[in-house]
Amino acid sequence: MPQTNPSRSATAPVLHLDHVTRVHGRGAAEVQALRGVDLAVQPGEFVAVMGPSGSGKSTLLSLAGGLDTPSTGQVLVEGVALGELGRKKLAEVRRRSVGYVFQDYNLIPALTAAENIALPLELDGAAGRATRRKAVAALAEMGIPELADRFPDDMSGGQQQRVAIARALIGDRRLVLADEPTGALDSATGEAVLAVLRARCDAGAAAMMVTHEPRHAAWADRVVFLSDGRIVDESIGQDADSLLRIAARHGRAHQADGIGAVR
């Protein structure tokens, strides 16, 4: 596994969550998904997020990508407060600056793998031939160039996941958000995908990945642990066994508290 990136400097963060809360429902049905989260991800930094089910991991990722709005606090991407943007400008930021890997892939069934990957570039007005070349190159980076003209329904779950990751990485996006990106992959392919994410960070991008796997989190520069919507611990430079022990400790505490939350 590569060493953590030593080249990061004290520049402005690519992603900054400033005392973010997210509350669902009202009154007796109210659920606090996130409770005063402060988190910054710097250029070149790979951050993993761990925590038990119901700790707020996916909510955190949705807010970071502008797919949801915090109840209080701010989310900034490259210094831009997402909550202050109109719908069109927010869509532009998500398309140009943020690559998002969804758990359920979110590929468009009527488009081929190459067309799915090229779509964000084409929506920005890039020429078709150029976008296809970039899409095929992204597929090659994932080790699946032969899937360029295949439709999602003709792919396995693991193949769809790698296409979704390629879509998130295409272009000059400075922030990559990944929700369990190795969930449908075998061990060797998962490690290869993490190496690609690591390389993207080493080239200057920022990444935040939700994972349950300590061995995958060990690829990150920093691991953040969530429990009941709060950041309860952080770890830098720990191996998989150490991360497993930390995650188990917080999982037991989460069960003991018995507080309802959402993932």
C-alpha atoms as a PDB file:
ATOM      1  CA  MET A   1       0.000   0.000   0.000  1.00  0.00           C
ATOM      2  CA  PRO A   2       1.354   3.471  -0.858  1.00  0.00           C
ATOM      3  CA  GLN A   3       2.579   5.863   1.797  1.00  0.00           C
ATOM      4  CA  THR A   4       0.353   8.782   2.711  1.00  0.00           C
ATOM      5  CA  ASN A   5       0.754  11.900   0.610  1.00  0.00           C
ATOM      6  CA  PRO A   6       3.471  14.168   2.080  1.00  0.00           C
ATOM      7  CA  SER A   7       2.950  17.011  -0.407  1.00  0.00           C
ATOM      8  CA  ARG A   8      -0.230  18.563   1.017  1.00  0.00           C
ATOM      9  CA  SER A   9       0.147  22.157   2.128  1.00  0.00           C
ATOM     10  CA  ALA A  10      -1.897  24.460   4.305  1.00  0.00           C
ATOM     11  CA  THR A  11      -4.010  25.721   1.417  1.00  0.00           C
ATOM     12  CA  ALA A  12      -7.753  26.294   1.424  1.00  0.00           C
ATOM     13  CA  PRO A  13      -9.648  23.003   1.716  1.00  0.00           C
ATOM     14  CA  VAL A  14     -11.394  21.548  -1.314  1.00  0.00           C
ATOM     15  CA  LEU A  15     -14.267  20.515   0.970  1.00  0.00           C
ATOM     16  CA  HIS A  16     -15.281  22.213   4.198  1.00  0.00           C
ATOM     17  CA  LEU A  17     -18.264  21.284   6.337  1.00  0.00           C
ATOM     18  CA  ASP A  18     -18.742  24.072   8.862  1.00  0.00           C
ATOM     19  CA  HIS A  19     -20.756  23.004  11.930  1.00  0.00           C
ATOM     20  CA  VAL A  20     -23.235  21.089   9.773  1.00  0.00           C
ATOM     21  CA  THR A  21     -26.403  19.547  11.146  1.00  0.00           C
ATOM     22  CA  ARG A  22     -29.110  17.594   9.346  1.00  0.00           C
ATOM     23  CA  VAL A  23     -32.485  16.958  10.930  1.00  0.00           C
ATOM     24  CA  HIS A  24     -35.211  14.814   9.354  1.00  0.00           C
ATOM     25  CA  GLY A  25     -38.837  15.102  10.423  1.00  0.00           C
ATOM     26  CA  ARG A  26     -40.376  17.182  13.193  1.00  0.00           C
ATOM     27  CA  GLY A  27     -41.599  16.788  16.728  1.00  0.00           C
ATOM     28  CA  ALA A  28     -41.771  13.218  17.986  1.00  0.00           C
ATOM     29  CA  ALA A  29     -40.636  11.952  14.557  1.00  0.00           C
ATOM     30  CA  GLU A  30     -37.509  14.135  14.497  1.00  0.00           C
ATOM     31  CA  VAL A  31     -34.237  12.341  13.784  1.00  0.00           C
ATOM     32  CA  GLN A  32     -30.865  14.093  13.975  1.00  0.00           C
ATOM     33  CA  ALA A  33     -28.770  12.561  11.230  1.00  0.00           C
ATOM     34  CA  LEU A  34     -25.770  14.870  11.724  1.00  0.00           C
ATOM     35  CA  ARG A  35     -24.967  16.900  14.822  1.00  0.00           C
ATOM     36  CA  GLY A  36     -22.521  19.804  14.453  1.00  0.00           C
ATOM     37  CA  VAL A  37     -20.024  18.189  12.079  1.00  0.00           C
ATOM     38  CA  ASP A  38     -16.858  20.167  11.317  1.00  0.00           C
ATOM     39  CA  LEU A  39     -14.651  18.594   8.663  1.00  0.00           C
ATOM     40  CA  ALA A  40     -12.163  19.875   6.090  1.00  0.00           C
ATOM     41  CA  VAL A  41     -10.557  17.860   3.280  1.00  0.00           C
ATOM     42  CA  GLN A  42      -7.424  19.403   1.802  1.00  0.00           C
ATOM     43  CA  PRO A  43      -6.073  19.180  -1.765  1.00  0.00           C
ATOM     44  CA  GLY A  44      -4.291  15.874  -2.168  1.00  0.00           C
ATOM     45  CA  GLU A  45      -5.968  14.335   0.875  1.00  0.00           C
ATOM     46  CA  PHE A  46      -7.810  11.018   0.918  1.00  0.00           C
ATOM     47  CA  VAL A  47     -10.250  10.785   3.840  1.00  0.00           C
ATOM     48  CA  ALA A  48     -12.168   7.638   4.762  1.00  0.00           C
ATOM     49  CA  VAL A  49     -15.344   7.765   6.849  1.00  0.00           C
ATOM     50  CA  MET A  50     -16.241   4.809   9.046  1.00  0.00           C
ATOM     51  CA  GLY A  51     -18.963   4.152  11.582  1.00  0.00           C
ATOM     52  CA  PRO A  52     -21.815   1.759  12.362  1.00  0.00           C
ATOM     53  CA  SER A  53     -25.010   1.694  10.354  1.00  0.00           C
ATOM     54  CA  GLY A  54     -27.133   4.641  11.383  1.00  0.00           C
ATOM     55  CA  SER A  55     -24.171   6.879  12.201  1.00  0.00           C
ATOM     56  CA  GLY A  56     -24.781   9.422   9.411  1.00  0.00           C
ATOM     57  CA  LYS A  57     -22.107   8.407   6.893  1.00  0.00           C
ATOM     58  CA  SER A  58     -24.249   8.546   3.757  1.00  0.00           C
ATOM     59  CA  THR A  59     -25.943  11.740   4.944  1.00  0.00           C
ATOM     60  CA  LEU A  60     -22.514  13.319   5.319  1.00  0.00           C
ATOM     61  CA  LEU A  61     -21.573  12.301   1.784  1.00  0.00           C
ATOM     62  CA  SER A  62     -24.862  13.584   0.315  1.00  0.00           C
ATOM     63  CA  LEU A  63     -24.383  16.976   1.945  1.00  0.00           C
ATOM     64  CA  ALA A  64     -20.754  17.158   0.800  1.00  0.00           C
ATOM     65  CA  GLY A  65     -21.841  16.588  -2.800  1.00  0.00           C
ATOM     66  CA  GLY A  66     -24.693  19.081  -2.778  1.00  0.00           C
ATOM     67  CA  LEU A  67     -27.305  16.351  -3.100  1.00  0.00           C
ATOM     68  CA  ASP A  68     -28.928  17.412   0.157  1.00  0.00           C
ATOM     69  CA  THR A  69     -29.084  20.639   2.176  1.00  0.00           C
ATOM     70  CA  PRO A  70     -27.956  20.981   5.799  1.00  0.00           C
ATOM     71  CA  SER A  71     -30.459  22.075   8.410  1.00  0.00           C
ATOM     72  CA  THR A  72     -27.825  24.428   9.824  1.00  0.00           C
ATOM     73  CA  GLY A  73     -24.220  25.167   8.967  1.00  0.00           C
ATOM     74  CA  GLN A  74     -22.466  25.452   5.614  1.00  0.00           C
ATOM     75  CA  VAL A  75     -20.932  23.153   3.030  1.00  0.00           C
ATOM     76  CA  LEU A  76     -18.213  24.757   0.899  1.00  0.00           C
ATOM     77  CA  VAL A  77     -16.575  23.217  -2.180  1.00  0.00           C
ATOM     78  CA  GLU A  78     -13.457  25.095  -3.295  1.00  0.00           C
ATOM     79  CA  GLY A  79     -14.608  28.046  -1.192  1.00  0.00           C
ATOM     80  CA  VAL A  80     -18.114  28.184  -2.687  1.00  0.00           C
ATOM     81  CA  ALA A  81     -20.999  27.862  -0.224  1.00  0.00           C
ATOM     82  CA  LEU A  82     -23.349  25.362  -1.857  1.00  0.00           C
ATOM     83  CA  GLY A  83     -26.377  26.605   0.088  1.00  0.00           C
ATOM     84  CA  GLU A  84     -26.070  30.038  -1.519  1.00  0.00           C
ATOM     85  CA  LEU A  85     -26.248  28.719  -5.082  1.00  0.00           C
ATOM     86  CA  GLY A  86     -29.307  28.516  -7.278  1.00  0.00           C
ATOM     87  CA  ARG A  87     -30.278  25.232  -8.895  1.00  0.00           C
ATOM     88  CA  LYS A  88     -28.392  25.890 -12.148  1.00  0.00           C
ATOM     89  CA  LYS A  89     -25.147  26.983 -10.470  1.00  0.00           C
ATOM     90  CA  LEU A  90     -25.318  24.087  -8.018  1.00  0.00           C
ATOM     91  CA  ALA A  91     -25.697  21.653 -10.918  1.00  0.00           C
ATOM     92  CA  GLU A  92     -22.635  23.205 -12.563  1.00  0.00           C
ATOM     93  CA  VAL A  93     -20.541  22.766  -9.421  1.00  0.00           C
ATOM     94  CA  ARG A  94     -21.613  19.137  -9.075  1.00  0.00           C
ATOM     95  CA  ARG A  95     -20.920  18.476 -12.738  1.00  0.00           C
ATOM     96  CA  ARG A  96     -17.560  20.224 -12.971  1.00  0.00           C
ATOM     97  CA  SER A  97     -16.014  19.989  -9.512  1.00  0.00           C
ATOM     98  CA  VAL A  98     -17.511  16.917  -7.812  1.00  0.00           C
ATOM     99  CA  GLY A  99     -17.363  13.281  -8.869  1.00  0.00           C
ATOM    100  CA  TYR A 100     -19.830  11.098  -6.955  1.00  0.00           C
ATOM    101  CA  VAL A 101     -19.797   7.298  -6.780  1.00  0.00           C
ATOM    102  CA  PHE A 102     -23.239   6.086  -5.671  1.00  0.00           C
ATOM    103  CA  GLN A 103     -23.877   2.795  -3.903  1.00  0.00           C
ATOM    104  CA  ASP A 104     -26.491   1.877  -6.516  1.00  0.00           C
ATOM    105  CA  TYR A 105     -24.305   3.116  -9.437  1.00  0.00           C
ATOM    106  CA  ASN A 106     -26.979   5.462 -10.971  1.00  0.00           C
ATOM    107  CA  LEU A 107     -26.023   4.577 -14.536  1.00  0.00           C
ATOM    108  CA  ILE A 108     -28.499   5.543 -17.258  1.00  0.00           C
ATOM    109  CA  PRO A 109     -29.798   2.258 -18.758  1.00  0.00           C
ATOM    110  CA  ALA A 110     -30.267   3.679 -22.277  1.00  0.00           C
ATOM    111  CA  LEU A 111     -26.626   4.820 -22.525  1.00  0.00           C
ATOM    112  CA  THR A 112     -23.536   2.696 -23.068  1.00  0.00           C
ATOM    113  CA  ALA A 113     -20.699   2.690 -20.567  1.00  0.00           C
ATOM    114  CA  ALA A 114     -18.745   5.244 -22.613  1.00  0.00           C
ATOM    115  CA  GLU A 115     -21.824   7.437 -23.029  1.00  0.00           C
ATOM    116  CA  ASN A 116     -22.573   7.349 -19.286  1.00  0.00           C
ATOM    117  CA  ILE A 117     -19.021   8.396 -18.484  1.00  0.00           C
ATOM    118  CA  ALA A 118     -18.885  11.116 -21.144  1.00  0.00           C
ATOM    119  CA  LEU A 119     -22.254  12.652 -20.237  1.00  0.00           C
ATOM    120  CA  PRO A 120     -20.968  15.225 -17.681  1.00  0.00           C
ATOM    121  CA  LEU A 121     -18.459  16.537 -20.233  1.00  0.00           C
ATOM    122  CA  GLU A 122     -21.034  16.679 -23.004  1.00  0.00           C
ATOM    123  CA  LEU A 123     -23.442  18.606 -20.768  1.00  0.00           C
ATOM    124  CA  ASP A 124     -20.681  21.203 -20.489  1.00  0.00           C
ATOM    125  CA  GLY A 125     -20.468  21.442 -24.281  1.00  0.00           C
ATOM    126  CA  ALA A 126     -17.400  19.282 -24.955  1.00  0.00           C
ATOM    127  CA  ALA A 127     -17.124  17.735 -28.423  1.00  0.00           C
ATOM    128  CA  GLY A 128     -18.412  14.186 -28.816  1.00  0.00           C
ATOM    129  CA  ARG A 129     -15.239  12.588 -30.194  1.00  0.00           C
ATOM    130  CA  ALA A 130     -13.058  14.129 -27.511  1.00  0.00           C
ATOM    131  CA  THR A 131     -15.402  13.017 -24.727  1.00  0.00           C
ATOM    132  CA  ARG A 132     -15.495   9.460 -26.067  1.00  0.00           C
ATOM    133  CA  ARG A 133     -11.688   9.303 -26.077  1.00  0.00           C
ATOM    134  CA  LYS A 134     -11.633  10.478 -22.473  1.00  0.00           C
ATOM    135  CA  ALA A 135     -14.386   8.030 -21.528  1.00  0.00           C
ATOM    136  CA  VAL A 136     -12.533   5.084 -23.048  1.00  0.00           C
ATOM    137  CA  ALA A 137      -9.336   6.201 -21.299  1.00  0.00           C
ATOM    138  CA  ALA A 138     -11.245   6.304 -17.989  1.00  0.00           C
ATOM    139  CA  LEU A 139     -12.537   2.783 -18.612  1.00  0.00           C
ATOM    140  CA  ALA A 140      -8.996   1.634 -19.368  1.00  0.00           C
ATOM    141  CA  GLU A 141      -7.855   3.129 -16.060  1.00  0.00           C
ATOM    142  CA  MET A 142     -10.471   0.913 -14.401  1.00  0.00           C
ATOM    143  CA  GLY A 143      -9.264  -2.101 -16.395  1.00  0.00           C
ATOM    144  CA  ILE A 144     -12.467  -2.493 -18.471  1.00  0.00           C
ATOM    145  CA  PRO A 145     -11.968  -0.756 -21.862  1.00  0.00           C
ATOM    146  CA  GLU A 146     -13.887  -3.583 -23.549  1.00  0.00           C
ATOM    147  CA  LEU A 147     -17.107  -2.374 -21.916  1.00  0.00           C
ATOM    148  CA  ALA A 148     -17.197   0.937 -23.791  1.00  0.00           C
ATOM    149  CA  ASP A 149     -20.171   0.004 -25.993  1.00  0.00           C
ATOM    150  CA  ARG A 150     -21.989  -2.205 -23.517  1.00  0.00           C
ATOM    151  CA  PHE A 151     -25.219  -1.143 -21.798  1.00  0.00           C
ATOM    152  CA  PRO A 152     -25.618  -1.348 -17.990  1.00  0.00           C
ATOM    153  CA  ASP A 153     -28.130  -4.215 -18.192  1.00  0.00           C
ATOM    154  CA  ASP A 154     -25.444  -6.279 -19.949  1.00  0.00           C
ATOM    155  CA  MET A 155     -22.887  -5.780 -17.168  1.00  0.00           C
ATOM    156  CA  SER A 156     -22.327  -7.448 -13.829  1.00  0.00           C
ATOM    157  CA  GLY A 157     -22.691  -5.445 -10.633  1.00  0.00           C
ATOM    158  CA  GLY A 158     -18.925  -5.151 -10.307  1.00  0.00           C
ATOM    159  CA  GLN A 159     -18.585  -3.922 -13.881  1.00  0.00           C
ATOM    160  CA  GLN A 160     -21.308  -1.319 -13.321  1.00  0.00           C
ATOM    161  CA  GLN A 161     -19.530  -0.149 -10.187  1.00  0.00           C
ATOM    162  CA  ARG A 162     -16.262   0.359 -12.069  1.00  0.00           C
ATOM    163  CA  VAL A 163     -18.088   2.295 -14.808  1.00  0.00           C
ATOM    164  CA  ALA A 164     -19.629   4.506 -12.116  1.00  0.00           C
ATOM    165  CA  ILE A 165     -16.191   5.139 -10.624  1.00  0.00           C
ATOM    166  CA  ALA A 166     -14.795   5.997 -14.063  1.00  0.00           C
ATOM    167  CA  ARG A 167     -17.633   8.514 -14.500  1.00  0.00           C
ATOM    168  CA  ALA A 168     -16.754  10.124 -11.168  1.00  0.00           C
ATOM    169  CA  LEU A 169     -13.091  10.491 -12.130  1.00  0.00           C
ATOM    170  CA  ILE A 170     -13.433  11.855 -15.669  1.00  0.00           C
ATOM    171  CA  GLY A 171     -12.444  15.460 -16.273  1.00  0.00           C
ATOM    172  CA  ASP A 172     -10.718  17.843 -13.887  1.00  0.00           C
ATOM    173  CA  ARG A 173     -12.900  17.319 -10.846  1.00  0.00           C
ATOM    174  CA  ARG A 174     -11.193  18.357  -7.653  1.00  0.00           C
ATOM    175  CA  LEU A 175     -13.410  16.416  -5.259  1.00  0.00           C
ATOM    176  CA  VAL A 176     -14.321  12.723  -5.439  1.00  0.00           C
ATOM    177  CA  LEU A 177     -17.007  11.370  -3.094  1.00  0.00           C
ATOM    178  CA  ALA A 178     -17.463   7.611  -2.958  1.00  0.00           C
ATOM    179  CA  ASP A 179     -20.113   5.633  -1.062  1.00  0.00           C
ATOM    180  CA  GLU A 180     -18.784   2.078  -0.554  1.00  0.00           C
ATOM    181  CA  PRO A 181     -17.022   2.122  -3.962  1.00  0.00           C
ATOM    182  CA  THR A 182     -15.630  -1.410  -3.551  1.00  0.00           C
ATOM    183  CA  GLY A 183     -18.843  -3.016  -2.289  1.00  0.00           C
ATOM    184  CA  ALA A 184     -19.524  -5.087  -5.420  1.00  0.00           C
ATOM    185  CA  LEU A 185     -15.878  -5.827  -6.255  1.00  0.00           C
ATOM    186  CA  ASP A 186     -13.630  -8.779  -5.498  1.00  0.00           C
ATOM    187  CA  SER A 187     -10.588  -8.129  -3.321  1.00  0.00           C
ATOM    188  CA  ALA A 188      -8.055  -7.692  -6.120  1.00  0.00           C
ATOM    189  CA  THR A 189     -10.275  -5.371  -8.159  1.00  0.00           C
ATOM    190  CA  GLY A 190     -11.173  -3.387  -5.046  1.00  0.00           C
ATOM    191  CA  GLU A 191      -7.513  -2.816  -4.261  1.00  0.00           C
ATOM    192  CA  ALA A 192      -6.897  -1.706  -7.853  1.00  0.00           C
ATOM    193  CA  VAL A 193      -9.750   0.807  -7.648  1.00  0.00           C
ATOM    194  CA  LEU A 194      -8.406   2.187  -4.376  1.00  0.00           C
ATOM    195  CA  ALA A 195      -4.992   2.575  -5.991  1.00  0.00           C
ATOM    196  CA  VAL A 196      -6.621   4.713  -8.697  1.00  0.00           C
ATOM    197  CA  LEU A 197      -8.329   6.894  -6.062  1.00  0.00           C
ATOM    198  CA  ARG A 198      -5.048   7.169  -4.173  1.00  0.00           C
ATOM    199  CA  ALA A 199      -3.248   8.241  -7.357  1.00  0.00           C
ATOM    200  CA  ARG A 200      -5.904  10.866  -8.082  1.00  0.00           C
ATOM    201  CA  CYS A 201      -5.315  12.357  -4.631  1.00  0.00           C
ATOM    202  CA  ASP A 202      -1.556  12.219  -5.076  1.00  0.00           C
ATOM    203  CA  ALA A 203      -2.115  14.301  -8.234  1.00  0.00           C
ATOM    204  CA  GLY A 204      -3.875  16.999  -6.172  1.00  0.00           C
ATOM    205  CA  ALA A 205      -7.558  16.077  -5.932  1.00  0.00           C
ATOM    206  CA  ALA A 206      -9.392  15.500  -2.650  1.00  0.00           C
ATOM    207  CA  ALA A 207     -11.415  12.376  -1.911  1.00  0.00           C
ATOM    208  CA  MET A 208     -13.823  11.267   0.789  1.00  0.00           C
ATOM    209  CA  MET A 209     -14.899   7.633   0.895  1.00  0.00           C
ATOM    210  CA  VAL A 210     -17.457   5.876   3.073  1.00  0.00           C
ATOM    211  CA  THR A 211     -16.461   2.309   3.846  1.00  0.00           C
ATOM    212  CA  HIS A 212     -17.051  -0.473   6.376  1.00  0.00           C
ATOM    213  CA  GLU A 213     -13.742  -2.168   5.511  1.00  0.00           C
ATOM    214  CA  PRO A 214     -10.707  -1.257   7.652  1.00  0.00           C
ATOM    215  CA  ARG A 215      -8.329  -2.632   5.003  1.00  0.00           C
ATOM    216  CA  HIS A 216      -9.822  -0.213   2.481  1.00  0.00           C
ATOM    217  CA  ALA A 217      -9.842   2.694   4.928  1.00  0.00           C
ATOM    218  CA  ALA A 218      -6.124   2.065   5.473  1.00  0.00           C
ATOM    219  CA  TRP A 219      -5.485   3.495   1.994  1.00  0.00           C
ATOM    220  CA  ALA A 220      -6.611   6.906   3.250  1.00  0.00           C
ATOM    221  CA  ASP A 221      -4.453   9.625   4.788  1.00  0.00           C
ATOM    222  CA  ARG A 222      -6.998  10.108   7.559  1.00  0.00           C
ATOM    223  CA  VAL A 223      -9.927   8.085   8.870  1.00  0.00           C
ATOM    224  CA  VAL A 224     -12.891   9.847  10.496  1.00  0.00           C
ATOM    225  CA  PHE A 225     -15.220   7.842  12.742  1.00  0.00           C
ATOM    226  CA  LEU A 226     -18.898   8.805  13.013  1.00  0.00           C
ATOM    227  CA  SER A 227     -21.338   7.716  15.691  1.00  0.00           C
ATOM    228  CA  ASP A 228     -24.879   9.030  16.109  1.00  0.00           C
ATOM    229  CA  GLY A 229     -24.215  11.869  13.712  1.00  0.00           C
ATOM    230  CA  ARG A 230     -21.067  13.145  15.412  1.00  0.00           C
ATOM    231  CA  ILE A 231     -17.382  12.808  14.628  1.00  0.00           C
ATOM    232  CA  VAL A 232     -16.130  10.878  17.643  1.00  0.00           C
ATOM    233  CA  ASP A 233     -12.590   9.994  16.578  1.00  0.00           C
ATOM    234  CA  GLU A 234      -9.947  10.499  13.899  1.00  0.00           C
ATOM    235  CA  SER A 235      -6.969   8.379  12.983  1.00  0.00           C
ATOM    236  CA  ILE A 236      -3.898   9.100  10.868  1.00  0.00           C
ATOM    237  CA  GLY A 237      -1.497   6.490   9.520  1.00  0.00           C
ATOM    238  CA  GLN A 238      -3.110   3.466  11.207  1.00  0.00           C
ATOM    239  CA  ASP A 239      -3.021  -0.008   9.693  1.00  0.00           C
ATOM    240  CA  ALA A 240      -6.127  -2.109   9.040  1.00  0.00           C
ATOM    241  CA  ASP A 241      -5.925  -4.024  12.335  1.00  0.00           C
ATOM    242  CA  SER A 242      -5.758  -0.803  14.355  1.00  0.00           C
ATOM    243  CA  LEU A 243      -8.671   0.678  12.423  1.00  0.00           C
ATOM    244  CA  LEU A 244     -10.690  -2.478  13.010  1.00  0.00           C
ATOM    245  CA  ARG A 245     -10.171  -2.156  16.770  1.00  0.00           C
ATOM    246  CA  ILE A 246     -11.167   1.532  16.742  1.00  0.00           C
ATOM    247  CA  ALA A 247     -14.264   0.835  14.619  1.00  0.00           C
ATOM    248  CA  ALA A 248     -15.278  -2.050  16.906  1.00  0.00           C
ATOM    249  CA  ARG A 249     -14.913   0.131  19.985  1.00  0.00           C
ATOM    250  CA  HIS A 250     -17.148   2.848  18.561  1.00  0.00           C
ATOM    251  CA  GLY A 251     -19.609   0.265  17.273  1.00  0.00           C
ATOM    252  CA  ARG A 252     -20.023  -1.127  20.788  1.00  0.00           C
ATOM    253  CA  ALA A 253     -20.495   2.384  22.175  1.00  0.00           C
ATOM    254  CA  HIS A 254     -23.108   3.100  19.511  1.00  0.00           C
ATOM    255  CA  GLN A 255     -25.065  -0.032  20.439  1.00  0.00           C
ATOM    256  CA  ALA A 256     -24.842   0.781  24.144  1.00  0.00           C
ATOM    257  CA  ASP A 257     -26.211   4.291  23.617  1.00  0.00           C
ATOM    258  CA  GLY A 258     -29.198   2.968  21.690  1.00  0.00           C
ATOM    259  CA  ILE A 259     -29.817   6.343  20.041  1.00  0.00           C
ATOM    260  CA  GLY A 260     -31.814   6.234  16.791  1.00  0.00           C
ATOM    261  CA  ALA A 261     -30.153   7.774  13.770  1.00  0.00           C
ATOM    262  CA  VAL A 262     -29.982   7.331  10.030  1.00  0.00           C
ATOM    263  CA  ARG A 263     -27.142   6.148   7.877  1.00  0.00           C
END
